[in-house]
């Protein structure tokens, strides 16, 4: 007969007793202010669970009030190679709203956020003649309206009519890699069609986003570069 299992003690790791690591806490306080950073052990334990059966202890919890808060946290995390998880109103069986990096709480101040699906697909590029890498209906990009700003994340797509028809876009994340989406020159013509205020090139490994930025000089569209591929030595701003 096997012996009964000894129940595991429901306790947080000893390393959590000091709360958020000082460097991470101080950086985020300087970035956002002390009222938006939760770093005590009790805060990290409280946010380790949601409606799911899982338990992950975040390093720190950030209360995001604005789009700029989210932008600053994402840029900081990208530079420091920290993971980011968003906590909204609930949980999900396909991912959960928990993480062991930076947890961003948006449920308190983000009422009225809207999300619209925008089709992402290829018009001409595919693995063989008569085929497309992404057929229409397979997936979407998403247009988020939050804090009075309109942010478009294009997904894997060429410059389809639905993208050209977008209006009043504040920020766009646009792909430019071959053979799956479009080259930098084509991506530049695409953004000229719907004129966002700010564009971040992404999903561009193997391409030269500097060519994209050069093609938009004088257009009034601001191009911001991020270091998405640090191992490849690609610099970003």
Protein backbone atom coordinates (compact mmCIF):
# COMPACT_ATOMS: atom_id res chain seq x y z
CA UNK A 1 0.00 0.00 0.00
CA UNK A 2 1.27 3.43 -0.86
CA UNK A 3 1.58 5.95 1.92
CA UNK A 4 -0.72 8.98 1.85
CA UNK A 5 0.73 12.11 0.32
CA UNK A 6 1.76 14.93 2.62
CA UNK A 7 -0.08 18.12 1.72
CA UNK A 8 2.19 20.89 0.47
CA UNK A 9 2.34 24.01 2.60
CA UNK A 10 0.49 26.92 1.02
CA UNK A 11 3.22 29.51 1.36
CA UNK A 12 5.02 31.97 -0.82
CA UNK A 13 8.70 31.46 -1.65
CA UNK A 14 11.10 32.79 0.97
CA UNK A 15 12.70 35.01 -1.68
CA UNK A 16 9.43 36.96 -1.86
CA UNK A 17 9.82 38.20 1.72
CA UNK A 18 11.68 41.32 0.54
CA UNK A 19 9.12 42.16 -2.11
CA UNK A 20 10.09 43.50 -5.52
CA UNK A 21 13.83 43.63 -6.25
CA UNK A 22 15.02 47.14 -5.40
CA UNK A 23 16.39 48.01 -8.83
CA UNK A 24 13.17 47.02 -10.61
CA UNK A 25 11.02 48.83 -8.07
CA UNK A 26 13.07 52.02 -8.18
CA UNK A 27 13.11 52.06 -12.00
CA UNK A 28 9.33 51.73 -12.26
CA UNK A 29 8.69 54.28 -9.50
CA UNK A 30 10.89 56.75 -11.37
CA UNK A 31 9.03 55.92 -14.58
CA UNK A 32 5.44 56.04 -13.30
CA UNK A 33 5.36 57.37 -9.73
CA UNK A 34 5.11 55.57 -6.38
CA UNK A 35 1.30 55.39 -6.41
CA UNK A 36 1.33 53.16 -9.51
CA UNK A 37 3.83 50.54 -8.36
CA UNK A 38 2.89 47.76 -5.90
CA UNK A 39 5.99 46.05 -4.54
CA UNK A 40 5.22 44.74 -1.04
CA UNK A 41 5.18 40.97 -0.48
CA UNK A 42 1.46 41.13 0.35
CA UNK A 43 0.76 42.80 -3.02
CA UNK A 44 2.71 40.20 -4.97
CA UNK A 45 0.95 37.37 -3.14
CA UNK A 46 -2.47 38.94 -3.74
CA UNK A 47 -1.84 39.16 -7.49
CA UNK A 48 -0.36 35.65 -7.77
CA UNK A 49 -3.81 34.12 -8.31
CA UNK A 50 -6.90 34.98 -10.31
CA UNK A 51 -9.99 32.92 -11.08
CA UNK A 52 -7.86 30.05 -12.35
CA UNK A 53 -6.31 27.22 -10.26
CA UNK A 54 -2.77 28.43 -11.02
CA UNK A 55 -0.40 30.50 -8.93
CA UNK A 56 2.45 32.64 -10.29
CA UNK A 57 4.13 35.33 -8.22
CA UNK A 58 4.86 38.53 -10.16
CA UNK A 59 8.05 40.47 -9.53
CA UNK A 60 6.06 43.69 -9.37
CA UNK A 61 2.54 44.97 -10.03
CA UNK A 62 1.94 48.17 -12.01
CA UNK A 63 -1.37 50.04 -11.96
CA UNK A 64 -1.71 51.50 -15.47
CA UNK A 65 -3.94 54.55 -15.73
CA UNK A 66 -3.14 55.76 -19.24
CA UNK A 67 -1.88 54.63 -22.62
CA UNK A 68 1.42 56.36 -21.85
CA UNK A 69 1.77 54.23 -18.71
CA UNK A 70 1.42 51.08 -20.81
CA UNK A 71 3.83 52.38 -23.44
CA UNK A 72 6.49 53.22 -20.84
CA UNK A 73 6.17 49.81 -19.17
CA UNK A 74 6.40 47.94 -22.49
CA UNK A 75 9.44 49.91 -23.61
CA UNK A 76 11.13 49.40 -20.24
CA UNK A 77 10.36 45.67 -20.22
CA UNK A 78 11.63 45.27 -23.78
CA UNK A 79 14.92 46.96 -22.89
CA UNK A 80 15.34 44.90 -19.70
CA UNK A 81 14.08 41.61 -21.19
CA UNK A 82 11.27 41.35 -18.60
CA UNK A 83 8.01 39.57 -19.38
CA UNK A 84 4.74 41.52 -19.14
CA UNK A 85 1.27 40.16 -18.33
CA UNK A 86 -1.93 42.21 -18.33
CA UNK A 87 -4.63 41.68 -15.70
CA UNK A 88 -8.07 42.95 -16.62
CA UNK A 89 -11.45 41.87 -15.30
CA UNK A 90 -11.04 38.10 -15.23
CA UNK A 91 -9.12 35.10 -16.47
CA UNK A 92 -8.99 32.76 -19.44
CA UNK A 93 -8.60 29.04 -19.93
CA UNK A 94 -6.21 29.72 -22.81
CA UNK A 95 -3.58 31.77 -21.04
CA UNK A 96 -4.55 33.07 -17.60
CA UNK A 97 -3.89 36.60 -16.37
CA UNK A 98 -0.82 35.69 -14.33
CA UNK A 99 2.91 35.97 -14.83
CA UNK A 100 6.22 35.89 -13.00
CA UNK A 101 7.50 39.17 -14.44
CA UNK A 102 5.78 42.57 -14.54
CA UNK A 103 2.02 42.34 -14.00
CA UNK A 104 0.09 45.32 -15.37
CA UNK A 105 -3.32 45.87 -13.79
CA UNK A 106 -5.66 47.68 -16.19
CA UNK A 107 -9.01 46.81 -14.67
CA UNK A 108 -9.29 49.86 -12.42
CA UNK A 109 -8.92 52.72 -14.88
CA UNK A 110 -9.66 51.33 -18.32
CA UNK A 111 -13.43 51.28 -18.57
CA UNK A 112 -14.69 51.95 -22.08
CA UNK A 113 -11.91 50.19 -23.97
CA UNK A 114 -13.05 48.95 -27.37
CA UNK A 115 -11.45 46.35 -29.64
CA UNK A 116 -12.23 46.01 -33.36
CA UNK A 117 -11.00 43.18 -35.57
CA UNK A 118 -9.38 44.14 -38.88
CA UNK A 119 -8.76 41.28 -41.35
CA UNK A 120 -5.12 40.31 -41.90
CA UNK A 121 -4.24 38.40 -45.05
CA UNK A 122 -2.03 38.19 -48.12
CA UNK A 123 -2.98 39.62 -51.47
CA UNK A 124 -0.26 38.02 -53.59
CA UNK A 125 2.43 36.26 -51.55
CA UNK A 126 2.27 32.55 -50.81
CA UNK A 127 4.25 29.31 -50.66
CA UNK A 128 3.38 28.36 -54.24
CA UNK A 129 1.49 29.61 -57.28
CA UNK A 130 -2.19 30.07 -56.50
CA UNK A 131 -1.60 29.86 -52.72
CA UNK A 132 -1.39 32.52 -49.99
CA UNK A 133 0.47 32.41 -46.69
CA UNK A 134 -2.51 33.97 -44.92
CA UNK A 135 -5.93 33.65 -46.50
CA UNK A 136 -8.68 36.12 -45.65
CA UNK A 137 -10.62 34.90 -42.66
CA UNK A 138 -7.69 33.06 -41.11
CA UNK A 139 -6.78 35.80 -38.64
CA UNK A 140 -7.12 39.42 -37.65
CA UNK A 141 -5.22 42.49 -36.65
CA UNK A 142 -6.79 44.56 -33.90
CA UNK A 143 -7.70 48.21 -33.47
CA UNK A 144 -7.81 49.24 -29.83
CA UNK A 145 -9.40 52.45 -28.63
CA UNK A 146 -8.26 53.22 -25.12
CA UNK A 147 -7.66 56.37 -23.16
CA UNK A 148 -8.80 58.37 -26.17
CA UNK A 149 -6.09 56.85 -28.38
CA UNK A 150 -6.51 54.51 -31.37
CA UNK A 151 -3.80 51.84 -31.57
CA UNK A 152 -3.67 49.38 -34.47
CA UNK A 153 -1.70 46.09 -34.32
CA UNK A 154 -1.70 44.77 -37.86
CA UNK A 155 -0.71 41.11 -37.39
CA UNK A 156 0.80 39.15 -40.32
CA UNK A 157 -0.57 40.93 -43.37
CA UNK A 158 0.05 42.75 -46.59
CA UNK A 159 -1.43 46.20 -47.11
CA UNK A 160 -5.02 45.13 -47.61
CA UNK A 161 -7.90 47.55 -48.37
CA UNK A 162 -9.23 47.29 -44.81
CA UNK A 163 -5.95 48.73 -43.51
CA UNK A 164 -5.82 51.52 -46.10
CA UNK A 165 -9.35 52.53 -45.05
CA UNK A 166 -8.39 53.14 -41.40
CA UNK A 167 -8.90 56.67 -40.08
CA UNK A 168 -7.55 58.70 -37.16
CA UNK A 169 -4.92 56.17 -36.05
CA UNK A 170 -2.55 57.38 -33.33
CA UNK A 171 -0.16 54.41 -33.19
CA UNK A 172 0.34 51.44 -35.52
CA UNK A 173 2.51 48.34 -35.27
CA UNK A 174 3.21 47.18 -38.83
CA UNK A 175 5.02 44.04 -40.06
CA UNK A 176 7.56 44.01 -42.87
CA UNK A 177 9.20 40.67 -43.47
CA UNK A 178 9.49 38.57 -46.57
CA UNK A 179 8.16 36.35 -47.87
CA UNK A 180 5.23 36.41 -45.43
CA UNK A 181 4.07 40.05 -45.31
CA UNK A 182 5.64 42.95 -47.25
CA UNK A 183 9.01 44.64 -47.74
CA UNK A 184 9.86 47.96 -46.01
CA UNK A 185 9.23 49.99 -49.18
CA UNK A 186 5.73 48.56 -49.55
CA UNK A 187 5.01 49.05 -45.85
CA UNK A 188 5.98 52.72 -46.18
CA UNK A 189 3.50 53.22 -49.03
CA UNK A 190 0.90 51.47 -46.89
CA UNK A 191 1.16 53.87 -43.95
CA UNK A 192 1.13 56.84 -46.30
CA UNK A 193 -2.33 55.67 -47.34
CA UNK A 194 -3.90 55.93 -43.87
CA UNK A 195 -1.47 58.36 -42.19
CA UNK A 196 -1.07 57.27 -38.56
CA UNK A 197 0.71 59.66 -36.22
CA UNK A 198 3.28 57.11 -35.01
CA UNK A 199 4.39 53.78 -36.46
CA UNK A 200 6.48 51.03 -34.91
CA UNK A 201 8.01 48.55 -37.39
CA UNK A 202 7.88 45.01 -36.01
CA UNK A 203 8.17 41.42 -37.27
CA UNK A 204 10.96 42.62 -39.56
CA UNK A 205 13.76 40.12 -38.93
CA UNK A 206 15.92 39.85 -42.04
CA UNK A 207 14.67 43.18 -43.41
CA UNK A 208 15.97 46.75 -43.06
CA UNK A 209 13.45 48.91 -41.20
CA UNK A 210 15.84 51.84 -41.71
CA UNK A 211 14.70 51.82 -45.35
CA UNK A 212 11.11 52.11 -44.10
CA UNK A 213 12.03 55.08 -41.90
CA UNK A 214 13.91 56.78 -44.75
CA UNK A 215 10.93 56.39 -47.08
CA UNK A 216 8.71 58.25 -44.58
CA UNK A 217 10.97 61.24 -44.00
CA UNK A 218 9.04 64.44 -44.55
CA UNK A 219 5.67 62.66 -44.46
CA UNK A 220 4.73 63.88 -40.98
CA UNK A 221 4.54 60.27 -39.74
CA UNK A 222 6.86 59.55 -36.82
CA UNK A 223 8.76 56.25 -37.02
CA UNK A 224 9.89 54.73 -33.73
CA UNK A 225 12.35 51.85 -33.74
CA UNK A 226 12.51 49.23 -30.98
CA UNK A 227 15.16 46.58 -30.46
CA UNK A 228 12.92 43.57 -31.09
CA UNK A 229 15.87 41.32 -31.96
CA UNK A 230 18.68 42.07 -29.48
CA UNK A 231 20.59 38.88 -30.36
CA UNK A 232 20.91 40.13 -33.92
CA UNK A 233 22.39 43.42 -32.76
CA UNK A 234 19.53 45.52 -34.15
CA UNK A 235 19.38 48.81 -32.26
CA UNK A 236 16.19 50.66 -31.41
CA UNK A 237 15.03 53.99 -30.02
